[in-house]
Amino acid sequence: MRLDDARQQITALLGAVSIDGHFDKCFANLKETQQDELFVWLRDCVERRANPIQSKRDREVIGFVKRFGSDLRAILTKKKDGYFLALFLDKHKYYEDEMARLGF
């Protein structure tokens, strides 16, 4: 899938969400089945079928985590009973830093 199409689909699903991490490079390196898996997971998050985790830093923020292969991770953050904040996709090393920053 083209990166522009992916970003449009993400915006259609989540609204005006920030796309963080090395999203472009990591998304391009995902296999087509993994790209499809990302969108299924995003729909599950929107439809409240995915289990959230609570931020310890900001009690109004929840997150959803998805693992792709052994090295890539996605984090989707959302205001509790509100709008989506950011989609983060990056390697495991940066994912751990982002999880700590968010308080998960």
N, C-alpha and C. Protein backbone atom coordinates (compact mmCIF):
# COMPACT_ATOMS: atom_id res chain seq x y z
N MET A 1 0.84 -1.18 0.00
CA MET A 1 0.00 0.00 0.00
C MET A 1 0.88 1.24 0.00
N ARG A 2 0.47 2.21 -0.74
CA ARG A 2 1.22 3.46 -0.79
C ARG A 2 1.07 4.21 0.53
N LEU A 3 2.11 4.90 0.90
CA LEU A 3 2.14 5.63 2.17
C LEU A 3 1.05 6.70 2.23
N ASP A 4 0.82 7.42 1.15
CA ASP A 4 -0.22 8.45 1.12
C ASP A 4 -1.60 7.84 1.37
N ASP A 5 -1.86 6.69 0.75
CA ASP A 5 -3.14 6.00 0.95
C ASP A 5 -3.29 5.55 2.39
N ALA A 6 -2.21 5.06 2.97
CA ALA A 6 -2.24 4.61 4.37
C ALA A 6 -2.56 5.77 5.30
N ARG A 7 -1.91 6.89 5.09
CA ARG A 7 -2.16 8.07 5.93
C ARG A 7 -3.61 8.54 5.79
N GLN A 8 -4.17 8.49 4.58
CA GLN A 8 -5.56 8.88 4.37
C GLN A 8 -6.51 7.94 5.10
N GLN A 9 -6.22 6.65 5.05
CA GLN A 9 -7.07 5.67 5.74
C GLN A 9 -6.98 5.85 7.25
N ILE A 10 -5.80 6.14 7.74
CA ILE A 10 -5.62 6.37 9.18
C ILE A 10 -6.43 7.60 9.61
N THR A 11 -6.36 8.66 8.84
CA THR A 11 -7.12 9.88 9.15
C THR A 11 -8.62 9.60 9.08
N ALA A 12 -9.05 8.81 8.12
CA ALA A 12 -10.47 8.47 8.00
C ALA A 12 -10.95 7.67 9.22
N LEU A 13 -10.10 6.79 9.73
CA LEU A 13 -10.47 5.97 10.89
C LEU A 13 -10.39 6.73 12.21
N LEU A 14 -9.32 7.51 12.39
CA LEU A 14 -9.02 8.08 13.70
C LEU A 14 -9.27 9.58 13.80
N GLY A 15 -9.46 10.25 12.70
CA GLY A 15 -9.58 11.70 12.72
C GLY A 15 -8.20 12.34 12.63
N ALA A 16 -8.11 13.58 13.06
CA ALA A 16 -6.85 14.33 12.99
C ALA A 16 -5.92 13.85 14.09
N VAL A 17 -5.19 12.80 13.80
CA VAL A 17 -4.29 12.18 14.77
C VAL A 17 -2.85 12.45 14.36
N SER A 18 -2.00 12.65 15.33
CA SER A 18 -0.58 12.82 15.07
C SER A 18 0.04 11.46 14.74
N ILE A 19 0.88 11.42 13.74
CA ILE A 19 1.56 10.18 13.36
C ILE A 19 3.02 10.34 13.71
N ASP A 20 3.48 9.55 14.69
CA ASP A 20 4.80 9.73 15.29
C ASP A 20 5.73 8.54 15.03
N GLY A 21 6.95 8.71 15.53
CA GLY A 21 7.97 7.69 15.35
C GLY A 21 8.52 7.78 13.94
N HIS A 22 9.16 6.75 13.52
CA HIS A 22 9.65 6.66 12.14
C HIS A 22 8.59 5.94 11.31
N PHE A 23 7.37 6.49 11.34
CA PHE A 23 6.22 5.82 10.74
C PHE A 23 6.43 5.49 9.28
N ASP A 24 6.85 6.47 8.49
CA ASP A 24 6.97 6.26 7.04
C ASP A 24 7.90 5.10 6.72
N LYS A 25 9.07 5.09 7.30
CA LYS A 25 10.05 4.04 7.03
C LYS A 25 9.56 2.69 7.54
N CYS A 26 9.01 2.66 8.75
CA CYS A 26 8.56 1.40 9.34
C CYS A 26 7.36 0.83 8.58
N PHE A 27 6.42 1.69 8.19
CA PHE A 27 5.25 1.22 7.45
C PHE A 27 5.67 0.64 6.11
N ALA A 28 6.60 1.29 5.45
CA ALA A 28 7.08 0.80 4.15
C ALA A 28 7.75 -0.56 4.27
N ASN A 29 8.33 -0.85 5.44
CA ASN A 29 9.01 -2.13 5.65
C ASN A 29 8.08 -3.25 6.10
N LEU A 30 6.83 -2.91 6.43
CA LEU A 30 5.87 -3.95 6.80
C LEU A 30 5.43 -4.73 5.56
N LYS A 31 5.24 -6.02 5.73
CA LYS A 31 4.68 -6.83 4.65
C LYS A 31 3.23 -6.41 4.46
N GLU A 32 2.68 -6.71 3.30
CA GLU A 32 1.31 -6.33 3.00
C GLU A 32 0.33 -6.91 4.03
N THR A 33 0.54 -8.14 4.46
CA THR A 33 -0.33 -8.74 5.46
C THR A 33 -0.22 -8.01 6.80
N GLN A 34 0.97 -7.53 7.13
CA GLN A 34 1.16 -6.77 8.37
C GLN A 34 0.51 -5.39 8.27
N GLN A 35 0.56 -4.79 7.09
CA GLN A 35 -0.12 -3.51 6.89
C GLN A 35 -1.63 -3.69 7.08
N ASP A 36 -2.17 -4.77 6.51
CA ASP A 36 -3.60 -5.07 6.70
C ASP A 36 -3.91 -5.30 8.17
N GLU A 37 -3.02 -6.00 8.85
CA GLU A 37 -3.17 -6.28 10.28
C GLU A 37 -3.21 -4.98 11.09
N LEU A 38 -2.41 -4.00 10.70
CA LEU A 38 -2.40 -2.70 11.36
C LEU A 38 -3.78 -2.05 11.27
N PHE A 39 -4.39 -2.07 10.09
CA PHE A 39 -5.69 -1.44 9.91
C PHE A 39 -6.81 -2.19 10.63
N VAL A 40 -6.71 -3.51 10.69
CA VAL A 40 -7.69 -4.30 11.46
C VAL A 40 -7.58 -3.92 12.93
N TRP A 41 -6.35 -3.81 13.42
CA TRP A 41 -6.12 -3.43 14.82
C TRP A 41 -6.65 -2.03 15.10
N LEU A 42 -6.41 -1.08 14.19
CA LEU A 42 -6.92 0.28 14.38
C LEU A 42 -8.45 0.28 14.44
N ARG A 43 -9.11 -0.50 13.57
CA ARG A 43 -10.57 -0.59 13.60
C ARG A 43 -11.04 -1.18 14.93
N ASP A 44 -10.32 -2.21 15.42
CA ASP A 44 -10.65 -2.80 16.72
C ASP A 44 -10.54 -1.77 17.84
N CYS A 45 -9.54 -0.91 17.78
CA CYS A 45 -9.37 0.15 18.78
C CYS A 45 -10.52 1.13 18.71
N VAL A 46 -10.91 1.52 17.51
CA VAL A 46 -12.01 2.47 17.32
C VAL A 46 -13.33 1.88 17.83
N GLU A 47 -13.53 0.60 17.56
CA GLU A 47 -14.78 -0.07 17.93
C GLU A 47 -14.74 -0.65 19.34
N ARG A 48 -13.71 -0.31 20.09
CA ARG A 48 -13.55 -0.71 21.51
C ARG A 48 -13.50 -2.21 21.71
N ARG A 49 -12.88 -2.91 20.76
CA ARG A 49 -12.69 -4.35 20.89
C ARG A 49 -11.27 -4.69 21.34
N ALA A 50 -10.39 -3.71 21.36
CA ALA A 50 -9.01 -3.92 21.81
C ALA A 50 -8.91 -3.47 23.27
N ASN A 51 -8.10 -4.16 24.04
CA ASN A 51 -7.94 -3.83 25.45
C ASN A 51 -6.96 -2.68 25.64
N PRO A 52 -7.39 -1.61 26.30
CA PRO A 52 -6.50 -0.47 26.53
C PRO A 52 -5.65 -0.65 27.78
N ILE A 53 -4.59 0.15 27.86
CA ILE A 53 -3.79 0.25 29.07
C ILE A 53 -3.89 1.70 29.55
N GLN A 54 -3.76 1.89 30.86
CA GLN A 54 -3.92 3.20 31.48
C GLN A 54 -2.57 3.86 31.70
N SER A 55 -2.47 5.13 31.37
CA SER A 55 -1.25 5.88 31.64
C SER A 55 -1.17 6.19 33.13
N LYS A 56 0.01 6.04 33.69
CA LYS A 56 0.22 6.37 35.10
C LYS A 56 0.51 7.86 35.28
N ARG A 57 0.92 8.52 34.21
CA ARG A 57 1.22 9.96 34.26
C ARG A 57 -0.01 10.82 34.10
N ASP A 58 -0.90 10.44 33.19
CA ASP A 58 -2.10 11.21 32.91
C ASP A 58 -3.28 10.25 32.90
N ARG A 59 -4.08 10.30 33.94
CA ARG A 59 -5.20 9.36 34.11
C ARG A 59 -6.28 9.52 33.03
N GLU A 60 -6.20 10.56 32.24
CA GLU A 60 -7.17 10.77 31.17
C GLU A 60 -6.71 10.17 29.84
N VAL A 61 -5.53 9.56 29.82
CA VAL A 61 -4.98 8.99 28.59
C VAL A 61 -4.93 7.47 28.70
N ILE A 62 -5.43 6.81 27.65
CA ILE A 62 -5.30 5.36 27.54
C ILE A 62 -4.52 5.05 26.27
N GLY A 63 -4.00 3.84 26.19
CA GLY A 63 -3.22 3.45 25.02
C GLY A 63 -3.52 2.03 24.60
N PHE A 64 -3.22 1.75 23.36
CA PHE A 64 -3.35 0.42 22.79
C PHE A 64 -2.00 0.08 22.18
N VAL A 65 -1.58 -1.16 22.32
CA VAL A 65 -0.25 -1.57 21.85
C VAL A 65 -0.39 -2.75 20.90
N LYS A 66 0.37 -2.71 19.81
CA LYS A 66 0.39 -3.79 18.83
C LYS A 66 1.82 -4.12 18.45
N ARG A 67 2.14 -5.40 18.39
CA ARG A 67 3.48 -5.87 18.05
C ARG A 67 3.46 -6.43 16.62
N PHE A 68 4.47 -6.05 15.84
CA PHE A 68 4.62 -6.57 14.48
C PHE A 68 5.98 -7.23 14.38
N GLY A 69 5.99 -8.53 14.22
CA GLY A 69 7.26 -9.25 14.14
C GLY A 69 8.02 -9.14 15.45
N SER A 70 9.32 -9.22 15.37
CA SER A 70 10.12 -9.18 16.58
C SER A 70 10.61 -7.78 16.93
N ASP A 71 10.51 -6.82 16.00
CA ASP A 71 11.15 -5.54 16.25
C ASP A 71 10.24 -4.31 16.17
N LEU A 72 9.11 -4.39 15.49
CA LEU A 72 8.26 -3.20 15.32
C LEU A 72 7.09 -3.21 16.29
N ARG A 73 6.77 -2.01 16.81
CA ARG A 73 5.66 -1.85 17.75
C ARG A 73 4.85 -0.62 17.36
N ALA A 74 3.56 -0.69 17.63
CA ALA A 74 2.67 0.46 17.42
C ALA A 74 1.99 0.79 18.74
N ILE A 75 1.84 2.09 19.00
CA ILE A 75 1.12 2.57 20.16
C ILE A 75 0.09 3.58 19.66
N LEU A 76 -1.15 3.37 20.04
CA LEU A 76 -2.22 4.32 19.71
C LEU A 76 -2.70 4.91 21.02
N THR A 77 -2.64 6.23 21.15
CA THR A 77 -3.08 6.88 22.38
C THR A 77 -4.40 7.61 22.14
N LYS A 78 -5.18 7.69 23.23
CA LYS A 78 -6.52 8.26 23.14
C LYS A 78 -6.88 8.93 24.45
N LYS A 79 -7.61 10.02 24.37
CA LYS A 79 -8.20 10.62 25.56
C LYS A 79 -9.33 9.70 26.01
N LYS A 80 -9.39 9.41 27.30
CA LYS A 80 -10.45 8.56 27.82
C LYS A 80 -11.79 9.19 27.46
N ASP A 81 -12.68 8.42 26.87
CA ASP A 81 -13.99 8.90 26.42
C ASP A 81 -13.88 10.12 25.51
N GLY A 82 -12.82 10.15 24.70
CA GLY A 82 -12.60 11.30 23.82
C GLY A 82 -12.03 10.89 22.49
N TYR A 83 -11.12 11.70 21.99
CA TYR A 83 -10.57 11.54 20.65
C TYR A 83 -9.20 10.88 20.70
N PHE A 84 -8.76 10.36 19.55
CA PHE A 84 -7.45 9.75 19.45
C PHE A 84 -6.39 10.84 19.36
N LEU A 85 -5.26 10.60 20.01
CA LEU A 85 -4.19 11.59 20.07
C LEU A 85 -3.08 11.33 19.07
N ALA A 86 -2.50 10.12 19.11
CA ALA A 86 -1.32 9.85 18.29
C ALA A 86 -1.21 8.37 17.95
N LEU A 87 -0.65 8.10 16.79
CA LEU A 87 -0.28 6.76 16.38
C LEU A 87 1.23 6.74 16.24
N PHE A 88 1.87 5.88 16.98
CA PHE A 88 3.33 5.77 17.01
C PHE A 88 3.70 4.41 16.43
N LEU A 89 4.60 4.38 15.45
CA LEU A 89 5.10 3.14 14.88
C LEU A 89 6.61 3.25 14.75
N ASP A 90 7.30 2.33 15.41
CA ASP A 90 8.76 2.39 15.37
C ASP A 90 9.34 1.08 15.86
N LYS A 91 10.67 1.03 15.89
CA LYS A 91 11.37 -0.15 16.36
C LYS A 91 11.25 -0.26 17.88
N HIS A 92 11.51 -1.46 18.37
CA HIS A 92 11.35 -1.79 19.78
C HIS A 92 12.10 -0.82 20.69
N LYS A 93 13.30 -0.44 20.32
CA LYS A 93 14.12 0.46 21.13
C LYS A 93 13.39 1.78 21.39
N TYR A 94 12.84 2.39 20.33
CA TYR A 94 12.15 3.66 20.46
C TYR A 94 10.79 3.49 21.13
N TYR A 95 10.19 2.33 20.93
CA TYR A 95 8.90 2.00 21.55
C TYR A 95 9.02 2.04 23.07
N GLU A 96 10.08 1.46 23.62
CA GLU A 96 10.26 1.45 25.07
C GLU A 96 10.42 2.87 25.61
N ASP A 97 11.14 3.71 24.90
CA ASP A 97 11.29 5.11 25.31
C ASP A 97 9.94 5.83 25.28
N GLU A 98 9.15 5.57 24.25
CA GLU A 98 7.84 6.21 24.12
C GLU A 98 6.88 5.73 25.22
N MET A 99 6.92 4.45 25.53
CA MET A 99 6.07 3.90 26.60
C MET A 99 6.42 4.56 27.94
N ALA A 100 7.69 4.74 28.20
CA ALA A 100 8.12 5.37 29.44
C ALA A 100 7.68 6.85 29.47
N ARG A 101 7.83 7.53 28.35
CA ARG A 101 7.44 8.94 28.26
C ARG A 101 5.94 9.12 28.50
N LEU A 102 5.14 8.19 28.00
CA LEU A 102 3.70 8.27 28.13
C LEU A 102 3.21 7.79 29.50
N GLY A 103 4.05 7.07 30.24
CA GLY A 103 3.66 6.58 31.55
C GLY A 103 2.92 5.26 31.52
N PHE A 104 3.17 4.46 30.50
CA PHE A 104 2.53 3.13 30.43
C PHE A 104 3.45 2.08 31.01
